[in-house]
């Protein structure tokens, strides 16, 4: 018998082909790639109704933005999308306070 999977395992730990390009790239491009990879994991888990894993992946995507104050449109859209999807999952689970917190911390108005 195998143990049940308790976590999605986070971002891949082995070196990815695209990481070689990150060494010389703009730091915001690196942030965008890492956040988008985590967001895409979240979307995949969300579509498969694997809510626990989706929540972890969306939180990983949002953690990429900690301390980043960029107004780049692609980063704003990615952050807003991850926050909305995470808040949606929290709301569906009845965690309205968590959902509101995610929206207030990550959705940029204005």
PDB file of N, CA and C in Angstrom:
ATOM      1  N   UNK A   1       0.832  -1.190   0.000  1.00  0.00           N
ATOM      2  CA  UNK A   1       0.000   0.000   0.000  1.00  0.00           C
ATOM      3  C   UNK A   1       0.871   1.246   0.000  1.00  0.00           C
ATOM      4  N   UNK A   2       0.491   2.189  -0.832  1.00  0.00           N
ATOM      5  CA  UNK A   2       1.206   3.447  -0.874  1.00  0.00           C
ATOM      6  C   UNK A   2       0.530   4.444   0.041  1.00  0.00           C
ATOM      7  N   UNK A   3       1.337   5.333   0.627  1.00  0.00           N
ATOM      8  CA  UNK A   3       0.780   6.391   1.452  1.00  0.00           C
ATOM      9  C   UNK A   3       0.056   7.392   0.570  1.00  0.00           C
ATOM     10  N   UNK A   4      -1.061   7.950   1.041  1.00  0.00           N
ATOM     11  CA  UNK A   4      -1.750   8.962   0.244  1.00  0.00           C
ATOM     12  C   UNK A   4      -0.885  10.205   0.111  1.00  0.00           C
ATOM     13  N   UNK A   5      -1.014  10.872  -1.004  1.00  0.00           N
ATOM     14  CA  UNK A   5      -0.272  12.105  -1.233  1.00  0.00           C
ATOM     15  C   UNK A   5      -0.862  13.185  -0.333  1.00  0.00           C
ATOM     16  N   UNK A   6      -0.017  13.833   0.455  1.00  0.00           N
ATOM     17  CA  UNK A   6      -0.496  14.843   1.385  1.00  0.00           C
ATOM     18  C   UNK A   6      -0.199  16.253   0.910  1.00  0.00           C
ATOM     19  N   UNK A   7       0.616  16.398  -0.098  1.00  0.00           N
ATOM     20  CA  UNK A   7       0.959  17.708  -0.606  1.00  0.00           C
ATOM     21  C   UNK A   7       1.305  17.570  -2.085  1.00  0.00           C
ATOM     22  N   UNK A   8       1.113  18.628  -2.806  1.00  0.00           N
ATOM     23  CA  UNK A   8       1.431  18.589  -4.230  1.00  0.00           C
ATOM     24  C   UNK A   8       2.924  18.631  -4.454  1.00  0.00           C
ATOM     25  N   UNK A   9       3.708  18.859  -3.408  1.00  0.00           N
ATOM     26  CA  UNK A   9       5.153  18.792  -3.509  1.00  0.00           C
ATOM     27  C   UNK A   9       5.813  20.104  -3.868  1.00  0.00           C
ATOM     28  N   UNK A  10       5.044  21.123  -4.147  1.00  0.00           N
ATOM     29  CA  UNK A  10       5.619  22.424  -4.472  1.00  0.00           C
ATOM     30  C   UNK A  10       6.212  22.479  -5.865  1.00  0.00           C
ATOM     31  N   UNK A  11       6.976  23.503  -6.075  1.00  0.00           N
ATOM     32  CA  UNK A  11       7.610  23.693  -7.375  1.00  0.00           C
ATOM     33  C   UNK A  11       8.629  22.591  -7.613  1.00  0.00           C
ATOM     34  N   UNK A  12       8.866  22.230  -8.878  1.00  0.00           N
ATOM     35  CA  UNK A  12       9.863  21.201  -9.175  1.00  0.00           C
ATOM     36  C   UNK A  12      11.226  21.586  -8.607  1.00  0.00           C
ATOM     37  N   UNK A  13      11.917  20.632  -7.999  1.00  0.00           N
ATOM     38  CA  UNK A  13      13.218  20.927  -7.418  1.00  0.00           C
ATOM     39  C   UNK A  13      14.354  20.671  -8.402  1.00  0.00           C
ATOM     40  N   UNK A  14      14.134  19.819  -9.380  1.00  0.00           N
ATOM     41  CA  UNK A  14      15.188  19.574 -10.359  1.00  0.00           C
ATOM     42  C   UNK A  14      15.273  20.759 -11.326  1.00  0.00           C
ATOM     43  N   UNK A  15      16.428  20.929 -11.883  1.00  0.00           N
ATOM     44  CA  UNK A  15      16.663  22.057 -12.790  1.00  0.00           C
ATOM     45  C   UNK A  15      15.806  21.905 -14.036  1.00  0.00           C
ATOM     46  N   UNK A  16      15.123  22.964 -14.389  1.00  0.00           N
ATOM     47  CA  UNK A  16      14.261  22.968 -15.559  1.00  0.00           C
ATOM     48  C   UNK A  16      15.003  23.598 -16.742  1.00  0.00           C
ATOM     49  N   UNK A  17      14.619  23.222 -17.946  1.00  0.00           N
ATOM     50  CA  UNK A  17      15.289  23.719 -19.154  1.00  0.00           C
ATOM     51  C   UNK A  17      15.226  25.240 -19.244  1.00  0.00           C
ATOM     52  N   UNK A  18      14.109  25.830 -18.843  1.00  0.00           N
ATOM     53  CA  UNK A  18      13.958  27.279 -18.965  1.00  0.00           C
ATOM     54  C   UNK A  18      14.770  28.056 -17.929  1.00  0.00           C
ATOM     55  N   UNK A  19      15.286  27.384 -16.902  1.00  0.00           N
ATOM     56  CA  UNK A  19      16.015  28.085 -15.847  1.00  0.00           C
ATOM     57  C   UNK A  19      17.356  28.644 -16.315  1.00  0.00           C
ATOM     58  N   UNK A  20      17.937  28.052 -17.332  1.00  0.00           N
ATOM     59  CA  UNK A  20      19.193  28.600 -17.847  1.00  0.00           C
ATOM     60  C   UNK A  20      18.992  30.010 -18.374  1.00  0.00           C
ATOM     61  N   UNK A  21      17.836  30.277 -18.953  1.00  0.00           N
ATOM     62  CA  UNK A  21      17.538  31.610 -19.450  1.00  0.00           C
ATOM     63  C   UNK A  21      17.335  32.604 -18.313  1.00  0.00           C
ATOM     64  N   UNK A  22      16.997  32.127 -17.125  1.00  0.00           N
ATOM     65  CA  UNK A  22      16.720  33.011 -16.005  1.00  0.00           C
ATOM     66  C   UNK A  22      17.971  33.658 -15.435  1.00  0.00           C
ATOM     67  N   UNK A  23      19.113  33.065 -15.664  1.00  0.00           N
ATOM     68  CA  UNK A  23      20.333  33.587 -15.073  1.00  0.00           C
ATOM     69  C   UNK A  23      20.684  34.972 -15.596  1.00  0.00           C
ATOM     70  N   UNK A  24      20.327  35.284 -16.807  1.00  0.00           N
ATOM     71  CA  UNK A  24      20.655  36.591 -17.372  1.00  0.00           C
ATOM     72  C   UNK A  24      19.418  37.456 -17.569  1.00  0.00           C
ATOM     73  N   UNK A  25      18.263  36.908 -17.257  1.00  0.00           N
ATOM     74  CA  UNK A  25      17.017  37.623 -17.509  1.00  0.00           C
ATOM     75  C   UNK A  25      16.751  38.672 -16.438  1.00  0.00           C
ATOM     76  N   UNK A  26      15.837  39.552 -16.766  1.00  0.00           N
ATOM     77  CA  UNK A  26      15.341  40.571 -15.847  1.00  0.00           C
ATOM     78  C   UNK A  26      14.731  39.872 -14.627  1.00  0.00           C
ATOM     79  N   UNK A  27      15.007  40.340 -13.416  1.00  0.00           N
ATOM     80  CA  UNK A  27      14.439  39.713 -12.207  1.00  0.00           C
ATOM     81  C   UNK A  27      12.910  39.633 -12.237  1.00  0.00           C
ATOM     82  N   UNK A  28      12.263  40.610 -12.849  1.00  0.00           N
ATOM     83  CA  UNK A  28      10.804  40.560 -12.944  1.00  0.00           C
ATOM     84  C   UNK A  28      10.355  39.453 -13.891  1.00  0.00           C
ATOM     85  N   UNK A  29      11.147  39.177 -14.914  1.00  0.00           N
ATOM     86  CA  UNK A  29      10.822  38.058 -15.803  1.00  0.00           C
ATOM     87  C   UNK A  29      10.940  36.740 -15.046  1.00  0.00           C
ATOM     88  N   UNK A  30      11.961  36.624 -14.195  1.00  0.00           N
ATOM     89  CA  UNK A  30      12.129  35.417 -13.377  1.00  0.00           C
ATOM     90  C   UNK A  30      10.931  35.245 -12.452  1.00  0.00           C
ATOM     91  N   UNK A  31      10.516  36.332 -11.813  1.00  0.00           N
ATOM     92  CA  UNK A  31       9.356  36.289 -10.925  1.00  0.00           C
ATOM     93  C   UNK A  31       8.114  35.865 -11.691  1.00  0.00           C
ATOM     94  N   UNK A  32       7.930  36.426 -12.883  1.00  0.00           N
ATOM     95  CA  UNK A  32       6.749  36.111 -13.690  1.00  0.00           C
ATOM     96  C   UNK A  32       6.715  34.631 -14.060  1.00  0.00           C
ATOM     97  N   UNK A  33       7.850  34.077 -14.436  1.00  0.00           N
ATOM     98  CA  UNK A  33       7.899  32.669 -14.834  1.00  0.00           C
ATOM     99  C   UNK A  33       7.586  31.763 -13.643  1.00  0.00           C
ATOM    100  N   UNK A  34       8.231  32.027 -12.518  1.00  0.00           N
ATOM    101  CA  UNK A  34       7.985  31.187 -11.332  1.00  0.00           C
ATOM    102  C   UNK A  34       6.538  31.276 -10.873  1.00  0.00           C
ATOM    103  N   UNK A  35       5.984  32.483 -10.858  1.00  0.00           N
ATOM    104  CA  UNK A  35       4.592  32.658 -10.429  1.00  0.00           C
ATOM    105  C   UNK A  35       3.639  31.992 -11.415  1.00  0.00           C
ATOM    106  N   UNK A  36       3.931  32.102 -12.701  1.00  0.00           N
ATOM    107  CA  UNK A  36       3.039  31.505 -13.682  1.00  0.00           C
ATOM    108  C   UNK A  36       3.065  29.977 -13.630  1.00  0.00           C
ATOM    109  N   UNK A  37       4.224  29.410 -13.379  1.00  0.00           N
ATOM    110  CA  UNK A  37       4.306  27.952 -13.251  1.00  0.00           C
ATOM    111  C   UNK A  37       3.442  27.492 -12.075  1.00  0.00           C
ATOM    112  N   UNK A  38       3.581  28.144 -10.926  1.00  0.00           N
ATOM    113  CA  UNK A  38       2.778  27.778  -9.755  1.00  0.00           C
ATOM    114  C   UNK A  38       1.288  28.010 -10.024  1.00  0.00           C
ATOM    115  N   UNK A  39       0.960  29.113 -10.693  1.00  0.00           N
ATOM    116  CA  UNK A  39      -0.437  29.401 -11.035  1.00  0.00           C
ATOM    117  C   UNK A  39      -1.014  28.310 -11.938  1.00  0.00           C
ATOM    118  N   UNK A  40      -0.229  27.875 -12.921  1.00  0.00           N
ATOM    119  CA  UNK A  40      -0.699  26.830 -13.838  1.00  0.00           C
ATOM    120  C   UNK A  40      -0.918  25.503 -13.110  1.00  0.00           C
ATOM    121  N   UNK A  41      -0.051  25.191 -12.144  1.00  0.00           N
ATOM    122  CA  UNK A  41      -0.302  24.015 -11.307  1.00  0.00           C
ATOM    123  C   UNK A  41      -1.639  24.192 -10.575  1.00  0.00           C
ATOM    124  N   UNK A  42      -1.855  25.363 -10.027  1.00  0.00           N
ATOM    125  CA  UNK A  42      -3.100  25.632  -9.320  1.00  0.00           C
ATOM    126  C   UNK A  42      -4.314  25.454 -10.204  1.00  0.00           C
ATOM    127  N   UNK A  43      -4.245  25.965 -11.414  1.00  0.00           N
ATOM    128  CA  UNK A  43      -5.372  25.831 -12.349  1.00  0.00           C
ATOM    129  C   UNK A  43      -5.621  24.364 -12.680  1.00  0.00           C
ATOM    130  N   UNK A  44      -4.553  23.618 -12.891  1.00  0.00           N
ATOM    131  CA  UNK A  44      -4.710  22.196 -13.215  1.00  0.00           C
ATOM    132  C   UNK A  44      -5.378  21.455 -12.050  1.00  0.00           C
ATOM    133  N   UNK A  45      -4.891  21.684 -10.846  1.00  0.00           N
ATOM    134  CA  UNK A  45      -5.493  21.039  -9.679  1.00  0.00           C
ATOM    135  C   UNK A  45      -6.934  21.495  -9.482  1.00  0.00           C
ATOM    136  N   UNK A  46      -7.175  22.773  -9.711  1.00  0.00           N
ATOM    137  CA  UNK A  46      -8.522  23.325  -9.569  1.00  0.00           C
ATOM    138  C   UNK A  46      -9.480  22.640 -10.552  1.00  0.00           C
ATOM    139  N   UNK A  47      -9.055  22.484 -11.786  1.00  0.00           N
ATOM    140  CA  UNK A  47      -9.885  21.835 -12.807  1.00  0.00           C
ATOM    141  C   UNK A  47     -10.155  20.364 -12.467  1.00  0.00           C
ATOM    142  N   UNK A  48      -9.226  19.743 -11.768  1.00  0.00           N
ATOM    143  CA  UNK A  48      -9.378  18.341 -11.382  1.00  0.00           C
ATOM    144  C   UNK A  48     -10.095  18.189 -10.037  1.00  0.00           C
ATOM    145  N   UNK A  49     -10.587  19.299  -9.483  1.00  0.00           N
ATOM    146  CA  UNK A  49     -11.276  19.338  -8.189  1.00  0.00           C
ATOM    147  C   UNK A  49     -10.389  18.851  -7.046  1.00  0.00           C
ATOM    148  N   UNK A  50      -9.110  19.108  -7.166  1.00  0.00           N
ATOM    149  CA  UNK A  50      -8.151  18.783  -6.108  1.00  0.00           C
ATOM    150  C   UNK A  50      -7.861  20.076  -5.338  1.00  0.00           C
ATOM    151  N   UNK A  51      -8.857  20.502  -4.574  1.00  0.00           N
ATOM    152  CA  UNK A  51      -8.836  21.825  -3.955  1.00  0.00           C
ATOM    153  C   UNK A  51      -7.653  22.054  -3.021  1.00  0.00           C
ATOM    154  N   UNK A  52      -7.288  21.068  -2.231  1.00  0.00           N
ATOM    155  CA  UNK A  52      -6.184  21.242  -1.287  1.00  0.00           C
ATOM    156  C   UNK A  52      -4.894  21.572  -2.031  1.00  0.00           C
ATOM    157  N   UNK A  53      -4.630  20.842  -3.098  1.00  0.00           N
ATOM    158  CA  UNK A  53      -3.428  21.091  -3.886  1.00  0.00           C
ATOM    159  C   UNK A  53      -3.518  22.426  -4.618  1.00  0.00           C
ATOM    160  N   UNK A  54      -4.707  22.762  -5.118  1.00  0.00           N
ATOM    161  CA  UNK A  54      -4.897  24.036  -5.808  1.00  0.00           C
ATOM    162  C   UNK A  54      -4.617  25.199  -4.869  1.00  0.00           C
ATOM    163  N   UNK A  55      -5.110  25.114  -3.640  1.00  0.00           N
ATOM    164  CA  UNK A  55      -4.870  26.177  -2.660  1.00  0.00           C
ATOM    165  C   UNK A  55      -3.369  26.347  -2.433  1.00  0.00           C
ATOM    166  N   UNK A  56      -2.649  25.245  -2.242  1.00  0.00           N
ATOM    167  CA  UNK A  56      -1.198  25.326  -2.036  1.00  0.00           C
ATOM    168  C   UNK A  56      -0.498  25.963  -3.228  1.00  0.00           C
ATOM    169  N   UNK A  57      -0.897  25.574  -4.430  1.00  0.00           N
ATOM    170  CA  UNK A  57      -0.248  26.101  -5.633  1.00  0.00           C
ATOM    171  C   UNK A  57      -0.531  27.592  -5.800  1.00  0.00           C
ATOM    172  N   UNK A  58      -1.783  28.009  -5.584  1.00  0.00           N
ATOM    173  CA  UNK A  58      -2.114  29.431  -5.675  1.00  0.00           C
ATOM    174  C   UNK A  58      -1.371  30.231  -4.611  1.00  0.00           C
ATOM    175  N   UNK A  59      -1.242  29.688  -3.406  1.00  0.00           N
ATOM    176  CA  UNK A  59      -0.494  30.383  -2.360  1.00  0.00           C
ATOM    177  C   UNK A  59       0.982  30.504  -2.732  1.00  0.00           C
ATOM    178  N   UNK A  60       1.526  29.474  -3.378  1.00  0.00           N
ATOM    179  CA  UNK A  60       2.908  29.539  -3.846  1.00  0.00           C
ATOM    180  C   UNK A  60       3.064  30.625  -4.902  1.00  0.00           C
ATOM    181  N   UNK A  61       2.103  30.708  -5.820  1.00  0.00           N
ATOM    182  CA  UNK A  61       2.148  31.750  -6.849  1.00  0.00           C
ATOM    183  C   UNK A  61       2.101  33.127  -6.211  1.00  0.00           C
ATOM    184  N   UNK A  62       1.223  33.322  -5.252  1.00  0.00           N
ATOM    185  CA  UNK A  62       1.103  34.628  -4.603  1.00  0.00           C
ATOM    186  C   UNK A  62       2.324  34.963  -3.758  1.00  0.00           C
ATOM    187  N   UNK A  63       2.961  33.950  -3.189  1.00  0.00           N
ATOM    188  CA  UNK A  63       4.160  34.222  -2.380  1.00  0.00           C
ATOM    189  C   UNK A  63       5.303  34.750  -3.244  1.00  0.00           C
ATOM    190  N   UNK A  64       5.268  34.481  -4.527  1.00  0.00           N
ATOM    191  CA  UNK A  64       6.289  35.022  -5.432  1.00  0.00           C
ATOM    192  C   UNK A  64       6.242  36.544  -5.469  1.00  0.00           C
ATOM    193  N   UNK A  65       5.090  37.103  -5.158  1.00  0.00           N
ATOM    194  CA  UNK A  65       4.910  38.545  -5.241  1.00  0.00           C
ATOM    195  C   UNK A  65       5.220  39.269  -3.941  1.00  0.00           C
ATOM    196  N   UNK A  66       5.566  38.531  -2.878  1.00  0.00           N
ATOM    197  CA  UNK A  66       5.913  39.168  -1.609  1.00  0.00           C
ATOM    198  C   UNK A  66       7.088  40.112  -1.815  1.00  0.00           C
ATOM    199  N   UNK A  67       6.886  41.367  -1.500  1.00  0.00           N
ATOM    200  CA  UNK A  67       7.930  42.373  -1.650  1.00  0.00           C
ATOM    201  C   UNK A  67       8.080  42.938  -3.048  1.00  0.00           C
ATOM    202  N   UNK A  68       7.377  42.410  -4.022  1.00  0.00           N
ATOM    203  CA  UNK A  68       7.461  42.915  -5.394  1.00  0.00           C
ATOM    204  C   UNK A  68       6.409  44.003  -5.595  1.00  0.00           C
ATOM    205  N   UNK A  69       6.837  45.156  -6.028  1.00  0.00           N
ATOM    206  CA  UNK A  69       5.923  46.281  -6.218  1.00  0.00           C
ATOM    207  C   UNK A  69       5.905  46.719  -7.690  1.00  0.00           C
ATOM    208  N   UNK A  70       5.790  45.786  -8.576  1.00  0.00           N
ATOM    209  CA  UNK A  70       5.792  46.103  -9.999  1.00  0.00           C
ATOM    210  C   UNK A  70       4.388  46.434 -10.487  1.00  0.00           C
ATOM    211  N   UNK A  71       4.309  47.328 -11.433  1.00  0.00           N
ATOM    212  CA  UNK A  71       3.036  47.669 -12.066  1.00  0.00           C
ATOM    213  C   UNK A  71       2.944  47.074 -13.477  1.00  0.00           C
ATOM    214  N   UNK A  72       3.821  46.109 -13.783  1.00  0.00           N
ATOM    215  CA  UNK A  72       3.749  45.454 -15.089  1.00  0.00           C
ATOM    216  C   UNK A  72       2.413  44.762 -15.236  1.00  0.00           C
ATOM    217  N   UNK A  73       1.777  44.976 -16.362  1.00  0.00           N
ATOM    218  CA  UNK A  73       0.422  44.452 -16.583  1.00  0.00           C
ATOM    219  C   UNK A  73       0.362  42.934 -16.458  1.00  0.00           C
ATOM    220  N   UNK A  74       1.358  42.229 -17.006  1.00  0.00           N
ATOM    221  CA  UNK A  74       1.301  40.763 -16.933  1.00  0.00           C
ATOM    222  C   UNK A  74       1.390  40.264 -15.495  1.00  0.00           C
ATOM    223  N   UNK A  75       2.180  40.931 -14.667  1.00  0.00           N
ATOM    224  CA  UNK A  75       2.292  40.527 -13.272  1.00  0.00           C
ATOM    225  C   UNK A  75       1.022  40.852 -12.487  1.00  0.00           C
ATOM    226  N   UNK A  76       0.423  41.998 -12.791  1.00  0.00           N
ATOM    227  CA  UNK A  76      -0.828  42.367 -12.121  1.00  0.00           C
ATOM    228  C   UNK A  76      -1.942  41.378 -12.458  1.00  0.00           C
ATOM    229  N   UNK A  77      -2.025  40.981 -13.724  1.00  0.00           N
ATOM    230  CA  UNK A  77      -3.060  40.034 -14.142  1.00  0.00           C
ATOM    231  C   UNK A  77      -2.837  38.678 -13.480  1.00  0.00           C
ATOM    232  N   UNK A  78      -1.603  38.227 -13.450  1.00  0.00           N
ATOM    233  CA  UNK A  78      -1.281  36.937 -12.841  1.00  0.00           C
ATOM    234  C   UNK A  78      -1.590  36.946 -11.345  1.00  0.00           C
ATOM    235  N   UNK A  79      -1.183  38.001 -10.665  1.00  0.00           N
ATOM    236  CA  UNK A  79      -1.440  38.106  -9.223  1.00  0.00           C
ATOM    237  C   UNK A  79      -2.936  38.169  -8.939  1.00  0.00           C
ATOM    238  N   UNK A  80      -3.634  38.973  -9.702  1.00  0.00           N
ATOM    239  CA  UNK A  80      -5.084  39.111  -9.510  1.00  0.00           C
ATOM    240  C   UNK A  80      -5.802  37.791  -9.792  1.00  0.00           C
ATOM    241  N   UNK A  81      -5.386  37.086 -10.832  1.00  0.00           N
ATOM    242  CA  UNK A  81      -6.021  35.810 -11.176  1.00  0.00           C
ATOM    243  C   UNK A  81      -5.795  34.754 -10.101  1.00  0.00           C
ATOM    244  N   UNK A  82      -4.561  34.656  -9.615  1.00  0.00           N
ATOM    245  CA  UNK A  82      -4.268  33.692  -8.557  1.00  0.00           C
ATOM    246  C   UNK A  82      -5.047  34.032  -7.289  1.00  0.00           C
ATOM    247  N   UNK A  83      -5.111  35.324  -6.956  1.00  0.00           N
ATOM    248  CA  UNK A  83      -5.844  35.749  -5.761  1.00  0.00           C
ATOM    249  C   UNK A  83      -7.338  35.462  -5.900  1.00  0.00           C
ATOM    250  N   UNK A  84      -7.893  35.768  -7.056  1.00  0.00           N
ATOM    251  CA  UNK A  84      -9.325  35.517  -7.259  1.00  0.00           C
ATOM    252  C   UNK A  84      -9.639  34.028  -7.139  1.00  0.00           C
ATOM    253  N   UNK A  85      -8.837  33.195  -7.787  1.00  0.00           N
ATOM    254  CA  UNK A  85      -9.086  31.752  -7.748  1.00  0.00           C
ATOM    255  C   UNK A  85      -8.920  31.189  -6.334  1.00  0.00           C
ATOM    256  N   UNK A  86      -7.910  31.673  -5.618  1.00  0.00           N
ATOM    257  CA  UNK A  86      -7.713  31.233  -4.237  1.00  0.00           C
ATOM    258  C   UNK A  86      -8.884  31.668  -3.363  1.00  0.00           C
ATOM    259  N   UNK A  87      -9.320  32.907  -3.524  1.00  0.00           N
ATOM    260  CA  UNK A  87     -10.462  33.406  -2.756  1.00  0.00           C
ATOM    261  C   UNK A  87     -11.725  32.613  -3.092  1.00  0.00           C
ATOM    262  N   UNK A  88     -11.892  32.259  -4.347  1.00  0.00           N
ATOM    263  CA  UNK A  88     -13.044  31.458  -4.765  1.00  0.00           C
ATOM    264  C   UNK A  88     -13.046  30.103  -4.054  1.00  0.00           C
ATOM    265  N   UNK A  89     -11.877  29.469  -3.988  1.00  0.00           N
ATOM    266  CA  UNK A  89     -11.778  28.184  -3.301  1.00  0.00           C
ATOM    267  C   UNK A  89     -12.073  28.341  -1.808  1.00  0.00           C
ATOM    268  N   UNK A  90     -11.524  29.384  -1.187  1.00  0.00           N
ATOM    269  CA  UNK A  90     -11.794  29.622   0.226  1.00  0.00           C
ATOM    270  C   UNK A  90     -13.286  29.850   0.464  1.00  0.00           C
ATOM    271  N   UNK A  91     -13.899  30.646  -0.397  1.00  0.00           N
ATOM    272  CA  UNK A  91     -15.331  30.929  -0.253  1.00  0.00           C
ATOM    273  C   UNK A  91     -16.153  29.644  -0.386  1.00  0.00           C
ATOM    274  N   UNK A  92     -15.791  28.798  -1.341  1.00  0.00           N
ATOM    275  CA  UNK A  92     -16.507  27.538  -1.550  1.00  0.00           C
ATOM    276  C   UNK A  92     -16.389  26.619  -0.333  1.00  0.00           C
ATOM    277  N   UNK A  93     -15.296  26.767   0.409  1.00  0.00           N
ATOM    278  CA  UNK A  93     -15.086  25.954   1.607  1.00  0.00           C
ATOM    279  C   UNK A  93     -15.685  26.611   2.851  1.00  0.00           C
ATOM    280  N   UNK A  94     -16.282  27.797   2.680  1.00  0.00           N
ATOM    281  CA  UNK A  94     -16.905  28.492   3.805  1.00  0.00           C
ATOM    282  C   UNK A  94     -15.956  29.372   4.597  1.00  0.00           C
ATOM    283  N   UNK A  95     -14.740  29.552   4.113  1.00  0.00           N
ATOM    284  CA  UNK A  95     -13.742  30.374   4.804  1.00  0.00           C
ATOM    285  C   UNK A  95     -13.796  31.804   4.259  1.00  0.00           C
ATOM    286  N   UNK A  96     -14.861  32.510   4.592  1.00  0.00           N
ATOM    287  CA  UNK A  96     -15.082  33.850   4.033  1.00  0.00           C
ATOM    288  C   UNK A  96     -14.040  34.856   4.495  1.00  0.00           C
ATOM    289  N   UNK A  97     -13.566  34.730   5.735  1.00  0.00           N
ATOM    290  CA  UNK A  97     -12.546  35.650   6.229  1.00  0.00           C
ATOM    291  C   UNK A  97     -11.242  35.478   5.460  1.00  0.00           C
ATOM    292  N   UNK A  98     -10.857  34.234   5.204  1.00  0.00           N
ATOM    293  CA  UNK A  98      -9.646  33.983   4.413  1.00  0.00           C
ATOM    294  C   UNK A  98      -9.800  34.509   2.995  1.00  0.00           C
ATOM    295  N   UNK A  99     -10.977  34.306   2.413  1.00  0.00           N
ATOM    296  CA  UNK A  99     -11.230  34.795   1.055  1.00  0.00           C
ATOM    297  C   UNK A  99     -11.094  36.309   0.991  1.00  0.00           C
ATOM    298  N   UNK A 100     -11.694  37.000   1.952  1.00  0.00           N
ATOM    299  CA  UNK A 100     -11.616  38.463   1.980  1.00  0.00           C
ATOM    300  C   UNK A 100     -10.178  38.930   2.179  1.00  0.00           C
ATOM    301  N   UNK A 101      -9.438  38.250   3.036  1.00  0.00           N
ATOM    302  CA  UNK A 101      -8.045  38.614   3.286  1.00  0.00           C
ATOM    303  C   UNK A 101      -7.210  38.506   2.016  1.00  0.00           C
ATOM    304  N   UNK A 102      -7.403  37.437   1.264  1.00  0.00           N
ATOM    305  CA  UNK A 102      -6.651  37.253   0.017  1.00  0.00           C
ATOM    306  C   UNK A 102      -6.959  38.390  -0.962  1.00  0.00           C
ATOM    307  N   UNK A 103      -8.226  38.715  -1.097  1.00  0.00           N
ATOM    308  CA  UNK A 103      -8.610  39.794  -2.024  1.00  0.00           C
ATOM    309  C   UNK A 103      -7.997  41.112  -1.590  1.00  0.00           C
ATOM    310  N   UNK A 104      -8.088  41.439  -0.326  1.00  0.00           N
ATOM    311  CA  UNK A 104      -7.554  42.730   0.144  1.00  0.00           C
ATOM    312  C   UNK A 104      -6.045  42.814   0.054  1.00  0.00           C
ATOM    313  N   UNK A 105      -5.349  41.701   0.232  1.00  0.00           N
ATOM    314  CA  UNK A 105      -3.880  41.739   0.172  1.00  0.00           C
ATOM    315  C   UNK A 105      -3.324  41.720  -1.248  1.00  0.00           C
ATOM    316  N   UNK A 106      -4.050  41.074  -2.167  1.00  0.00           N
ATOM    317  CA  UNK A 106      -3.437  40.812  -3.473  1.00  0.00           C
ATOM    318  C   UNK A 106      -4.115  41.463  -4.672  1.00  0.00           C
ATOM    319  N   UNK A 107      -5.337  41.886  -4.531  1.00  0.00           N
ATOM    320  CA  UNK A 107      -5.995  42.509  -5.676  1.00  0.00           C
ATOM    321  C   UNK A 107      -5.758  44.004  -5.601  1.00  0.00           C
ATOM    322  N   UNK A 108      -5.116  44.533  -6.626  1.00  0.00           N
ATOM    323  CA  UNK A 108      -4.757  45.941  -6.673  1.00  0.00           C
ATOM    324  C   UNK A 108      -5.871  46.706  -7.356  1.00  0.00           C
ATOM    325  N   UNK A 109      -6.432  47.661  -6.646  1.00  0.00           N
ATOM    326  CA  UNK A 109      -7.487  48.487  -7.212  1.00  0.00           C
ATOM    327  C   UNK A 109      -6.901  49.808  -7.659  1.00  0.00           C
ATOM    328  N   UNK A 110      -7.456  50.305  -8.755  1.00  0.00           N
ATOM    329  CA  UNK A 110      -7.039  51.647  -9.154  1.00  0.00           C
ATOM    330  C   UNK A 110      -6.325  51.757 -10.429  1.00  0.00           C
TER     331      UNK A 110
END
